[in-house]
Structures are given as C-alpha cells and as structure tokens.
Amino acid sequence: SGPNATGRMTRHTKQRCHSYVRSMIDILHEGYTNAQV
C-alpha cells in the first residue's frame, strides 16, 4: 500500500514461467564453448 515496498501487503501473485528466449541459450552456448561466437 505504500512506496518502496512499505505499508500493508495488499496482493500476492505467483506464476511458473516457461519463457526463456533466444539470448539465454546464445549466452550459455558461448560459456560452454569458451569461444567467440
């Protein structure tokens, strides 16, 4: 209810995400290969 996460908690939601996108894999691939891509 207040600024900067102060005051009373008025609502809470939670969801499971399945939305990693392309750059997640691109950066992981670079890390695994330790080479310029």
ModelCIF file with pLDDT and N, C-alpha, C, O atoms, coordinates in Angstrom:
data_MODEL
#
_entry.id   MODEL 
#
_entity.id                         1 
_entity.type                       polymer 
_entity.pdbx_number_of_molecules   1 
#
_entity_poly.entity_id                      1 
_entity_poly.type                           'polypeptide(L)' 
_entity_poly.nstd_linkage                   no 
_entity_poly.nstd_monomer                   no 
_entity_poly.pdbx_seq_one_letter_code       SGPNATGRMTRHTKQRCHSYVRSMIDILHEGYTNAQV 
_entity_poly.pdbx_seq_one_letter_code_can   SGPNATGRMTRHTKQRCHSYVRSMIDILHEGYTNAQV 
_entity_poly.pdbx_strand_id                 A 
#
loop_
_entity_poly_seq.entity_id 
_entity_poly_seq.num 
_entity_poly_seq.mon_id 
_entity_poly_seq.hetero 
1 1  SER n 
1 2  GLY n 
1 3  PRO n 
1 4  ASN n 
1 5  ALA n 
1 6  THR n 
1 7  GLY n 
1 8  ARG n 
1 9  MET n 
1 10 THR n 
1 11 ARG n 
1 12 HIS n 
1 13 THR n 
1 14 LYS n 
1 15 GLN n 
1 16 ARG n 
1 17 CYS n 
1 18 HIS n 
1 19 SER n 
1 20 TYR n 
1 21 VAL n 
1 22 ARG n 
1 23 SER n 
1 24 MET n 
1 25 ILE n 
1 26 ASP n 
1 27 ILE n 
1 28 LEU n 
1 29 HIS n 
1 30 GLU n 
1 31 GLY n 
1 32 TYR n 
1 33 THR n 
1 34 ASN n 
1 35 ALA n 
1 36 GLN n 
1 37 VAL n 
#
_struct_asym.id          A 
_struct_asym.entity_id   1 
#
loop_
_ma_qa_metric.id 
_ma_qa_metric.mode 
_ma_qa_metric.name 
_ma_qa_metric.software_group_id 
_ma_qa_metric.type 
1 global pLDDT . pLDDT 
2 local  pLDDT . pLDDT 
#
_ma_qa_metric_global.metric_id      1 
_ma_qa_metric_global.metric_value   89.51 
_ma_qa_metric_global.model_id       1 
_ma_qa_metric_global.ordinal_id     1 
#
loop_
_ma_qa_metric_local.label_asym_id 
_ma_qa_metric_local.label_comp_id 
_ma_qa_metric_local.label_seq_id 
_ma_qa_metric_local.metric_id 
_ma_qa_metric_local.metric_value 
_ma_qa_metric_local.model_id 
_ma_qa_metric_local.ordinal_id 
A SER 1  2 95.00 1 1  
A GLY 2  2 95.00 1 2  
A PRO 3  2 94.00 1 3  
A ASN 4  2 94.00 1 4  
A ALA 5  2 94.00 1 5  
A THR 6  2 92.00 1 6  
A GLY 7  2 93.00 1 7  
A ARG 8  2 95.00 1 8  
A MET 9  2 96.00 1 9  
A THR 10 2 95.00 1 10 
A ARG 11 2 94.00 1 11 
A HIS 12 2 94.00 1 12 
A THR 13 2 95.00 1 13 
A LYS 14 2 94.00 1 14 
A GLN 15 2 94.00 1 15 
A ARG 16 2 91.00 1 16 
A CYS 17 2 90.00 1 17 
A HIS 18 2 78.00 1 18 
A SER 19 2 88.00 1 19 
A TYR 20 2 93.00 1 20 
A VAL 21 2 94.00 1 21 
A ARG 22 2 92.00 1 22 
A SER 23 2 92.00 1 23 
A MET 24 2 91.00 1 24 
A ILE 25 2 90.00 1 25 
A ASP 26 2 89.00 1 26 
A ILE 27 2 88.00 1 27 
A LEU 28 2 87.00 1 28 
A HIS 29 2 85.00 1 29 
A GLU 30 2 84.00 1 30 
A GLY 31 2 81.00 1 31 
A TYR 32 2 85.00 1 32 
A THR 33 2 83.00 1 33 
A ASN 34 2 79.00 1 34 
A ALA 35 2 78.00 1 35 
A GLN 36 2 79.00 1 36 
A VAL 37 2 81.00 1 37 
#
loop_
_atom_site.group_PDB 
_atom_site.id 
_atom_site.type_symbol 
_atom_site.label_atom_id 
_atom_site.label_alt_id 
_atom_site.label_comp_id 
_atom_site.label_asym_id 
_atom_site.label_entity_id 
_atom_site.label_seq_id 
_atom_site.pdbx_PDB_ins_code 
_atom_site.Cartn_x 
_atom_site.Cartn_y 
_atom_site.Cartn_z 
_atom_site.occupancy 
_atom_site.B_iso_or_equiv 
_atom_site.pdbx_formal_charge 
_atom_site.auth_seq_id 
_atom_site.auth_comp_id 
_atom_site.auth_asym_id 
_atom_site.auth_atom_id 
_atom_site.pdbx_PDB_model_num 
ATOM 1   N N  . SER A 1 1  ? 0.810  -1.215  0.000   1.00 95.00 ? 1  SER A N  1 
ATOM 2   C CA . SER A 1 1  ? 0.000  0.000   0.000   1.00 95.00 ? 1  SER A CA 1 
ATOM 3   C C  . SER A 1 1  ? 0.844  1.266   0.000   1.00 95.00 ? 1  SER A C  1 
ATOM 4   O O  . SER A 1 1  ? 0.344  2.341   -0.331  1.00 95.00 ? 1  SER A O  1 
ATOM 5   N N  . GLY A 1 2  ? 2.110  1.155   0.365   1.00 95.00 ? 2  GLY A N  1 
ATOM 6   C CA . GLY A 1 2  ? 2.994  2.316   0.393   1.00 95.00 ? 2  GLY A CA 1 
ATOM 7   C C  . GLY A 1 2  ? 4.122  2.188   -0.607  1.00 95.00 ? 2  GLY A C  1 
ATOM 8   O O  . GLY A 1 2  ? 4.289  1.133   -1.218  1.00 95.00 ? 2  GLY A O  1 
ATOM 9   N N  . PRO A 1 3  ? 4.906  3.254   -0.786  1.00 94.00 ? 3  PRO A N  1 
ATOM 10  C CA . PRO A 1 3  ? 6.026  3.233   -1.734  1.00 94.00 ? 3  PRO A CA 1 
ATOM 11  C C  . PRO A 1 3  ? 7.185  2.386   -1.222  1.00 94.00 ? 3  PRO A C  1 
ATOM 12  O O  . PRO A 1 3  ? 7.310  2.136   -0.023  1.00 94.00 ? 3  PRO A O  1 
ATOM 13  N N  . ASN A 1 4  ? 8.028  1.950   -2.154  1.00 94.00 ? 4  ASN A N  1 
ATOM 14  C CA . ASN A 1 4  ? 9.274  1.246   -1.803  1.00 94.00 ? 4  ASN A CA 1 
ATOM 15  C C  . ASN A 1 4  ? 9.040  0.019   -0.928  1.00 94.00 ? 4  ASN A C  1 
ATOM 16  O O  . ASN A 1 4  ? 9.793  -0.248  0.007   1.00 94.00 ? 4  ASN A O  1 
ATOM 17  N N  . ALA A 1 5  ? 7.972  -0.727  -1.254  1.00 94.00 ? 5  ALA A N  1 
ATOM 18  C CA . ALA A 1 5  ? 7.646  -1.978  -0.552  1.00 94.00 ? 5  ALA A CA 1 
ATOM 19  C C  . ALA A 1 5  ? 7.398  -1.756  0.937   1.00 94.00 ? 5  ALA A C  1 
ATOM 20  O O  . ALA A 1 5  ? 7.794  -2.572  1.770   1.00 94.00 ? 5  ALA A O  1 
ATOM 21  N N  . THR A 1 6  ? 6.742  -0.649  1.262   1.00 92.00 ? 6  THR A N  1 
ATOM 22  C CA . THR A 1 6  ? 6.353  -0.380  2.643   1.00 92.00 ? 6  THR A CA 1 
ATOM 23  C C  . THR A 1 6  ? 4.838  -0.469  2.757   1.00 92.00 ? 6  THR A C  1 
ATOM 24  O O  . THR A 1 6  ? 4.133  -0.627  1.760   1.00 92.00 ? 6  THR A O  1 
ATOM 25  N N  . GLY A 1 7  ? 4.349  -0.363  3.995   1.00 93.00 ? 7  GLY A N  1 
ATOM 26  C CA . GLY A 1 7  ? 2.913  -0.436  4.216   1.00 93.00 ? 7  GLY A CA 1 
ATOM 27  C C  . GLY A 1 7  ? 2.409  -1.865  4.198   1.00 93.00 ? 7  GLY A C  1 
ATOM 28  O O  . GLY A 1 7  ? 3.191  -2.814  4.259   1.00 93.00 ? 7  GLY A O  1 
ATOM 29  N N  . ARG A 1 8  ? 1.105  -2.007  4.115   1.00 95.00 ? 8  ARG A N  1 
ATOM 30  C CA . ARG A 1 8  ? 0.458  -3.317  4.173   1.00 95.00 ? 8  ARG A CA 1 
ATOM 31  C C  . ARG A 1 8  ? 0.568  -4.026  2.830   1.00 95.00 ? 8  ARG A C  1 
ATOM 32  O O  . ARG A 1 8  ? 0.392  -3.410  1.778   1.00 95.00 ? 8  ARG A O  1 
ATOM 33  N N  . MET A 1 9  ? 0.863  -5.341  2.870   1.00 96.00 ? 9  MET A N  1 
ATOM 34  C CA . MET A 1 9  ? 0.829  -6.119  1.643   1.00 96.00 ? 9  MET A CA 1 
ATOM 35  C C  . MET A 1 9  ? -0.631 -6.314  1.248   1.00 96.00 ? 9  MET A C  1 
ATOM 36  O O  . MET A 1 9  ? -1.426 -6.846  2.023   1.00 96.00 ? 9  MET A O  1 
ATOM 37  N N  . THR A 1 10 ? -0.973 -5.885  0.049   1.00 95.00 ? 10 THR A N  1 
ATOM 38  C CA . THR A 1 10 ? -2.362 -5.925  -0.380  1.00 95.00 ? 10 THR A CA 1 
ATOM 39  C C  . THR A 1 10 ? -2.683 -7.062  -1.345  1.00 95.00 ? 10 THR A C  1 
ATOM 40  O O  . THR A 1 10 ? -3.840 -7.467  -1.461  1.00 95.00 ? 10 THR A O  1 
ATOM 41  N N  . ARG A 1 11 ? -1.688 -7.570  -2.022  1.00 94.00 ? 11 ARG A N  1 
ATOM 42  C CA . ARG A 1 11 ? -1.935 -8.630  -3.000  1.00 94.00 ? 11 ARG A CA 1 
ATOM 43  C C  . ARG A 1 11 ? -0.650 -9.376  -3.286  1.00 94.00 ? 11 ARG A C  1 
ATOM 44  O O  . ARG A 1 11 ? 0.444  -8.822  -3.177  1.00 94.00 ? 11 ARG A O  1 
ATOM 45  N N  . HIS A 1 12 ? -0.793 -10.654 -3.658  1.00 94.00 ? 12 HIS A N  1 
ATOM 46  C CA . HIS A 1 12 ? 0.365  -11.502 -3.936  1.00 94.00 ? 12 HIS A CA 1 
ATOM 47  C C  . HIS A 1 12 ? 0.002  -12.452 -5.061  1.00 94.00 ? 12 HIS A C  1 
ATOM 48  O O  . HIS A 1 12 ? -1.019 -13.135 -4.991  1.00 94.00 ? 12 HIS A O  1 
ATOM 49  N N  . THR A 1 13 ? 0.830  -12.503 -6.098  1.00 95.00 ? 13 THR A N  1 
ATOM 50  C CA . THR A 1 13 ? 0.601  -13.438 -7.198  1.00 95.00 ? 13 THR A CA 1 
ATOM 51  C C  . THR A 1 13 ? 1.889  -14.185 -7.500  1.00 95.00 ? 13 THR A C  1 
ATOM 52  O O  . THR A 1 13 ? 2.984  -13.693 -7.227  1.00 95.00 ? 13 THR A O  1 
ATOM 53  N N  . LYS A 1 14 ? 1.749  -15.376 -8.065  1.00 94.00 ? 14 LYS A N  1 
ATOM 54  C CA . LYS A 1 14 ? 2.910  -16.177 -8.432  1.00 94.00 ? 14 LYS A CA 1 
ATOM 55  C C  . LYS A 1 14 ? 2.562  -17.028 -9.640  1.00 94.00 ? 14 LYS A C  1 
ATOM 56  O O  . LYS A 1 14 ? 1.470  -17.589 -9.722  1.00 94.00 ? 14 LYS A O  1 
ATOM 57  N N  . GLN A 1 15 ? 3.504  -17.120 -10.584 1.00 94.00 ? 15 GLN A N  1 
ATOM 58  C CA . GLN A 1 15 ? 3.285  -17.920 -11.777 1.00 94.00 ? 15 GLN A CA 1 
ATOM 59  C C  . GLN A 1 15 ? 4.557  -18.650 -12.175 1.00 94.00 ? 15 GLN A C  1 
ATOM 60  O O  . GLN A 1 15 ? 5.663  -18.165 -11.940 1.00 94.00 ? 15 GLN A O  1 
ATOM 61  N N  . ARG A 1 16 ? 4.389  -19.814 -12.776 1.00 91.00 ? 16 ARG A N  1 
ATOM 62  C CA . ARG A 1 16 ? 5.510  -20.554 -13.340 1.00 91.00 ? 16 ARG A CA 1 
ATOM 63  C C  . ARG A 1 16 ? 5.763  -20.048 -14.752 1.00 91.00 ? 16 ARG A C  1 
ATOM 64  O O  . ARG A 1 16 ? 4.850  -20.012 -15.577 1.00 91.00 ? 16 ARG A O  1 
ATOM 65  N N  . CYS A 1 17 ? 7.004  -19.656 -15.031 1.00 90.00 ? 17 CYS A N  1 
ATOM 66  C CA . CYS A 1 17 ? 7.365  -19.128 -16.347 1.00 90.00 ? 17 CYS A CA 1 
ATOM 67  C C  . CYS A 1 17 ? 7.985  -20.230 -17.200 1.00 90.00 ? 17 CYS A C  1 
ATOM 68  O O  . CYS A 1 17 ? 8.702  -21.093 -16.694 1.00 90.00 ? 17 CYS A O  1 
ATOM 69  N N  . HIS A 1 18 ? 7.706  -20.189 -18.472 1.00 78.00 ? 18 HIS A N  1 
ATOM 70  C CA . HIS A 1 18 ? 8.322  -21.108 -19.429 1.00 78.00 ? 18 HIS A CA 1 
ATOM 71  C C  . HIS A 1 18 ? 8.822  -20.297 -20.618 1.00 78.00 ? 18 HIS A C  1 
ATOM 72  O O  . HIS A 1 18 ? 8.663  -20.696 -21.771 1.00 78.00 ? 18 HIS A O  1 
ATOM 73  N N  . SER A 1 19 ? 9.427  -19.154 -20.316 1.00 88.00 ? 19 SER A N  1 
ATOM 74  C CA . SER A 1 19 ? 9.649  -18.171 -21.361 1.00 88.00 ? 19 SER A CA 1 
ATOM 75  C C  . SER A 1 19 ? 11.085 -17.677 -21.470 1.00 88.00 ? 19 SER A C  1 
ATOM 76  O O  . SER A 1 19 ? 11.313 -16.505 -21.771 1.00 88.00 ? 19 SER A O  1 
ATOM 77  N N  . TYR A 1 20 ? 12.063 -18.561 -21.229 1.00 93.00 ? 20 TYR A N  1 
ATOM 78  C CA . TYR A 1 20 ? 13.415 -18.195 -21.615 1.00 93.00 ? 20 TYR A CA 1 
ATOM 79  C C  . TYR A 1 20 ? 13.427 -17.980 -23.125 1.00 93.00 ? 20 TYR A C  1 
ATOM 80  O O  . TYR A 1 20 ? 12.813 -18.742 -23.871 1.00 93.00 ? 20 TYR A O  1 
ATOM 81  N N  . VAL A 1 21 ? 14.127 -16.941 -23.571 1.00 94.00 ? 21 VAL A N  1 
ATOM 82  C CA . VAL A 1 21 ? 14.151 -16.643 -25.002 1.00 94.00 ? 21 VAL A CA 1 
ATOM 83  C C  . VAL A 1 21 ? 15.555 -16.853 -25.568 1.00 94.00 ? 21 VAL A C  1 
ATOM 84  O O  . VAL A 1 21 ? 16.462 -17.289 -24.858 1.00 94.00 ? 21 VAL A O  1 
ATOM 85  N N  . ARG A 1 22 ? 15.722 -16.545 -26.833 1.00 92.00 ? 22 ARG A N  1 
ATOM 86  C CA . ARG A 1 22 ? 16.910 -16.938 -27.591 1.00 92.00 ? 22 ARG A CA 1 
ATOM 87  C C  . ARG A 1 22 ? 18.233 -16.591 -26.907 1.00 92.00 ? 22 ARG A C  1 
ATOM 88  O O  . ARG A 1 22 ? 19.134 -17.427 -26.838 1.00 92.00 ? 22 ARG A O  1 
ATOM 89  N N  . SER A 1 23 ? 18.352 -15.362 -26.404 1.00 92.00 ? 23 SER A N  1 
ATOM 90  C CA . SER A 1 23 ? 19.653 -14.931 -25.877 1.00 92.00 ? 23 SER A CA 1 
ATOM 91  C C  . SER A 1 23 ? 20.110 -15.759 -24.678 1.00 92.00 ? 23 SER A C  1 
ATOM 92  O O  . SER A 1 23 ? 21.310 -15.849 -24.416 1.00 92.00 ? 23 SER A O  1 
ATOM 93  N N  . MET A 1 24 ? 19.177 -16.361 -23.950 1.00 91.00 ? 24 MET A N  1 
ATOM 94  C CA . MET A 1 24 ? 19.562 -17.220 -22.830 1.00 91.00 ? 24 MET A CA 1 
ATOM 95  C C  . MET A 1 24 ? 20.431 -18.373 -23.335 1.00 91.00 ? 24 MET A C  1 
ATOM 96  O O  . MET A 1 24 ? 21.466 -18.686 -22.747 1.00 91.00 ? 24 MET A O  1 
ATOM 97  N N  . ILE A 1 25 ? 20.002 -18.993 -24.418 1.00 90.00 ? 25 ILE A N  1 
ATOM 98  C CA . ILE A 1 25 ? 20.745 -20.121 -24.976 1.00 90.00 ? 25 ILE A CA 1 
ATOM 99  C C  . ILE A 1 25 ? 22.017 -19.644 -25.669 1.00 90.00 ? 25 ILE A C  1 
ATOM 100 O O  . ILE A 1 25 ? 23.055 -20.301 -25.589 1.00 90.00 ? 25 ILE A O  1 
ATOM 101 N N  . ASP A 1 26 ? 21.936 -18.495 -26.353 1.00 89.00 ? 26 ASP A N  1 
ATOM 102 C CA . ASP A 1 26 ? 23.124 -17.973 -27.036 1.00 89.00 ? 26 ASP A CA 1 
ATOM 103 C C  . ASP A 1 26 ? 24.261 -17.709 -26.047 1.00 89.00 ? 26 ASP A C  1 
ATOM 104 O O  . ASP A 1 26 ? 25.414 -18.045 -26.318 1.00 89.00 ? 26 ASP A O  1 
ATOM 105 N N  . ILE A 1 27 ? 23.932 -17.104 -24.893 1.00 88.00 ? 27 ILE A N  1 
ATOM 106 C CA . ILE A 1 27 ? 24.957 -16.793 -23.897 1.00 88.00 ? 27 ILE A CA 1 
ATOM 107 C C  . ILE A 1 27 ? 25.467 -18.063 -23.221 1.00 88.00 ? 27 ILE A C  1 
ATOM 108 O O  . ILE A 1 27 ? 26.661 -18.185 -22.947 1.00 88.00 ? 27 ILE A O  1 
ATOM 109 N N  . LEU A 1 28 ? 24.566 -19.008 -22.951 1.00 87.00 ? 28 LEU A N  1 
ATOM 110 C CA . LEU A 1 28 ? 25.008 -20.287 -22.376 1.00 87.00 ? 28 LEU A CA 1 
ATOM 111 C C  . LEU A 1 28 ? 25.952 -21.011 -23.332 1.00 87.00 ? 28 LEU A C  1 
ATOM 112 O O  . LEU A 1 28 ? 26.969 -21.564 -22.914 1.00 87.00 ? 28 LEU A O  1 
ATOM 113 N N  . HIS A 1 29 ? 25.608 -21.001 -24.615 1.00 85.00 ? 29 HIS A N  1 
ATOM 114 C CA . HIS A 1 29 ? 26.457 -21.666 -25.608 1.00 85.00 ? 29 HIS A CA 1 
ATOM 115 C C  . HIS A 1 29 ? 27.850 -21.059 -25.622 1.00 85.00 ? 29 HIS A C  1 
ATOM 116 O O  . HIS A 1 29 ? 28.846 -21.779 -25.693 1.00 85.00 ? 29 HIS A O  1 
ATOM 117 N N  . GLU A 1 30 ? 27.921 -19.725 -25.555 1.00 84.00 ? 30 GLU A N  1 
ATOM 118 C CA . GLU A 1 30 ? 29.228 -19.076 -25.535 1.00 84.00 ? 30 GLU A CA 1 
ATOM 119 C C  . GLU A 1 30 ? 30.028 -19.512 -24.309 1.00 84.00 ? 30 GLU A C  1 
ATOM 120 O O  . GLU A 1 30 ? 31.229 -19.769 -24.400 1.00 84.00 ? 30 GLU A O  1 
ATOM 121 N N  . GLY A 1 31 ? 29.350 -19.593 -23.161 1.00 81.00 ? 31 GLY A N  1 
ATOM 122 C CA . GLY A 1 31 ? 30.033 -20.011 -21.944 1.00 81.00 ? 31 GLY A CA 1 
ATOM 123 C C  . GLY A 1 31 ? 30.535 -21.443 -22.004 1.00 81.00 ? 31 GLY A C  1 
ATOM 124 O O  . GLY A 1 31 ? 31.628 -21.750 -21.530 1.00 81.00 ? 31 GLY A O  1 
ATOM 125 N N  . TYR A 1 32 ? 29.727 -22.315 -22.591 1.00 85.00 ? 32 TYR A N  1 
ATOM 126 C CA . TYR A 1 32 ? 30.122 -23.721 -22.679 1.00 85.00 ? 32 TYR A CA 1 
ATOM 127 C C  . TYR A 1 32 ? 31.291 -23.922 -23.631 1.00 85.00 ? 32 TYR A C  1 
ATOM 128 O O  . TYR A 1 32 ? 32.133 -24.791 -23.403 1.00 85.00 ? 32 TYR A O  1 
ATOM 129 N N  . THR A 1 33 ? 31.351 -23.129 -24.694 1.00 83.00 ? 33 THR A N  1 
ATOM 130 C CA . THR A 1 33 ? 32.407 -23.326 -25.686 1.00 83.00 ? 33 THR A CA 1 
ATOM 131 C C  . THR A 1 33 ? 33.636 -22.464 -25.404 1.00 83.00 ? 33 THR A C  1 
ATOM 132 O O  . THR A 1 33 ? 34.719 -22.727 -25.927 1.00 83.00 ? 33 THR A O  1 
ATOM 133 N N  . ASN A 1 34 ? 33.459 -21.412 -24.556 1.00 79.00 ? 34 ASN A N  1 
ATOM 134 C CA . ASN A 1 34 ? 34.559 -20.507 -24.207 1.00 79.00 ? 34 ASN A CA 1 
ATOM 135 C C  . ASN A 1 34 ? 35.243 -19.975 -25.463 1.00 79.00 ? 34 ASN A C  1 
ATOM 136 O O  . ASN A 1 34 ? 36.470 -19.928 -25.547 1.00 79.00 ? 34 ASN A O  1 
ATOM 137 N N  . ALA A 1 35 ? 34.432 -19.582 -26.425 1.00 78.00 ? 35 ALA A N  1 
ATOM 138 C CA . ALA A 1 35 ? 34.977 -19.110 -27.691 1.00 78.00 ? 35 ALA A CA 1 
ATOM 139 C C  . ALA A 1 35 ? 34.109 -17.985 -28.232 1.00 78.00 ? 35 ALA A C  1 
ATOM 140 O O  . ALA A 1 35 ? 32.932 -17.872 -27.891 1.00 78.00 ? 35 ALA A O  1 
ATOM 141 N N  . GLN A 1 36 ? 34.704 -17.161 -29.074 1.00 79.00 ? 36 GLN A N  1 
ATOM 142 C CA . GLN A 1 36 ? 33.946 -16.092 -29.719 1.00 79.00 ? 36 GLN A CA 1 
ATOM 143 C C  . GLN A 1 36 ? 32.871 -16.685 -30.618 1.00 79.00 ? 36 GLN A C  1 
ATOM 144 O O  . GLN A 1 36 ? 33.127 -17.623 -31.374 1.00 79.00 ? 36 GLN A O  1 
ATOM 145 N N  . VAL A 1 37 ? 31.650 -16.121 -30.528 1.00 81.00 ? 37 VAL A N  1 
ATOM 146 C CA . VAL A 1 37 ? 30.546 -16.560 -31.379 1.00 81.00 ? 37 VAL A CA 1 
ATOM 147 C C  . VAL A 1 37 ? 30.131 -15.372 -32.237 1.00 81.00 ? 37 VAL A C  1 
ATOM 148 O O  . VAL A 1 37 ? 29.210 -15.487 -33.046 1.00 81.00 ? 37 VAL A O  1 
#
